[in-house]
Amino acid sequence: MAKWMITYSKDEGTGVLEVESTTKPSMEQAVQWLLEMAERDYEREEPKDRPYEVQTPAVRLLERYGITVTSICEE
């Protein structure tokens, strides 16, 4: 099984979540894993602006935790 590094941006810094998967994770899967990690490791932030109308997982990740995915690459 391959190791994948999901790089993300938070608070003007960069973090990495390492996961194992037989295939390259999709962006949707990466966002889901980051949401799960953020719920465990970070406090939820207060919204800075009005919430976006469409609440996709990526939007929730950004609004609740200030996290955006920057890359997915194999280790």
Protein backbone atom coordinates (compact mmCIF):
# COMPACT_ATOMS: atom_id res chain seq x y z
CA MET A 1 0.00 0.00 0.00
CA ALA A 2 1.35 3.42 -0.94
CA LYS A 3 1.77 6.35 1.43
CA TRP A 4 0.25 9.64 0.31
CA MET A 5 0.96 13.10 1.64
CA ILE A 6 -1.96 15.50 1.68
CA THR A 7 -0.51 18.97 2.07
CA TYR A 8 -2.76 21.68 3.43
CA SER A 9 -2.61 25.35 4.32
CA LYS A 10 -3.78 26.70 7.70
CA ASP A 11 -3.01 29.98 9.45
CA GLU A 12 -0.43 31.01 6.85
CA GLY A 13 1.46 27.77 7.44
CA THR A 14 1.63 24.36 5.82
CA GLY A 15 0.77 20.98 7.30
CA VAL A 16 0.89 17.42 6.02
CA LEU A 17 -1.51 14.55 6.64
CA GLU A 18 -0.03 11.16 5.72
CA VAL A 19 -2.41 8.38 4.69
CA GLU A 20 -2.11 4.92 3.17
CA SER A 21 -4.10 4.01 0.09
CA THR A 22 -3.63 1.66 -2.86
CA THR A 23 -4.56 4.46 -5.27
CA LYS A 24 -4.11 8.22 -5.29
CA PRO A 25 -6.85 9.76 -3.15
CA SER A 26 -9.32 12.01 -4.92
CA MET A 27 -9.67 15.60 -3.81
CA GLU A 28 -13.00 14.67 -2.21
CA GLN A 29 -11.40 11.85 -0.19
CA ALA A 30 -8.52 14.12 0.88
CA VAL A 31 -10.99 16.75 2.09
CA GLN A 32 -12.92 14.11 4.03
CA TRP A 33 -9.76 12.86 5.77
CA LEU A 34 -8.74 16.43 6.57
CA LEU A 35 -12.19 17.17 8.00
CA GLU A 36 -11.89 14.14 10.27
CA MET A 37 -8.38 15.18 11.35
CA ALA A 38 -9.44 18.79 11.95
CA GLU A 39 -12.39 17.71 14.10
CA ARG A 40 -9.95 15.81 16.33
CA ASP A 41 -7.01 18.22 16.36
CA TYR A 42 -8.29 21.79 15.93
CA GLU A 43 -10.85 24.04 17.56
CA ARG A 44 -13.65 25.14 15.33
CA GLU A 45 -13.31 28.77 14.21
CA GLU A 46 -16.00 31.39 14.22
CA PRO A 47 -17.01 32.42 10.70
CA LYS A 48 -15.22 35.56 9.53
CA ASP A 49 -17.72 36.27 6.76
CA ARG A 50 -21.19 35.16 5.84
CA PRO A 51 -21.26 31.42 5.15
CA TYR A 52 -21.17 30.29 1.56
CA GLU A 53 -24.53 29.19 0.21
CA VAL A 54 -23.23 25.85 -1.01
CA GLN A 55 -21.85 23.83 1.92
CA THR A 56 -19.62 21.24 0.27
CA PRO A 57 -17.11 19.39 2.48
CA ALA A 58 -14.30 21.62 1.15
CA VAL A 59 -16.26 24.75 2.08
CA ARG A 60 -16.95 23.36 5.57
CA LEU A 61 -13.24 22.60 5.98
CA LEU A 62 -12.37 26.18 5.06
CA GLU A 63 -15.12 27.89 7.07
CA ARG A 64 -14.83 25.78 10.23
CA TYR A 65 -11.08 25.26 10.42
CA GLY A 66 -9.44 27.64 7.94
CA ILE A 67 -7.90 24.73 6.01
CA THR A 68 -7.42 24.39 2.25
CA VAL A 69 -5.87 21.43 0.41
CA THR A 70 -2.77 22.41 -1.53
CA SER A 71 -1.53 19.08 -2.95
CA ILE A 72 -1.74 15.29 -2.92
CA CYS A 73 1.45 13.42 -3.71
CA GLU A 74 2.97 10.00 -3.15
CA GLU A 75 5.71 9.73 -0.56
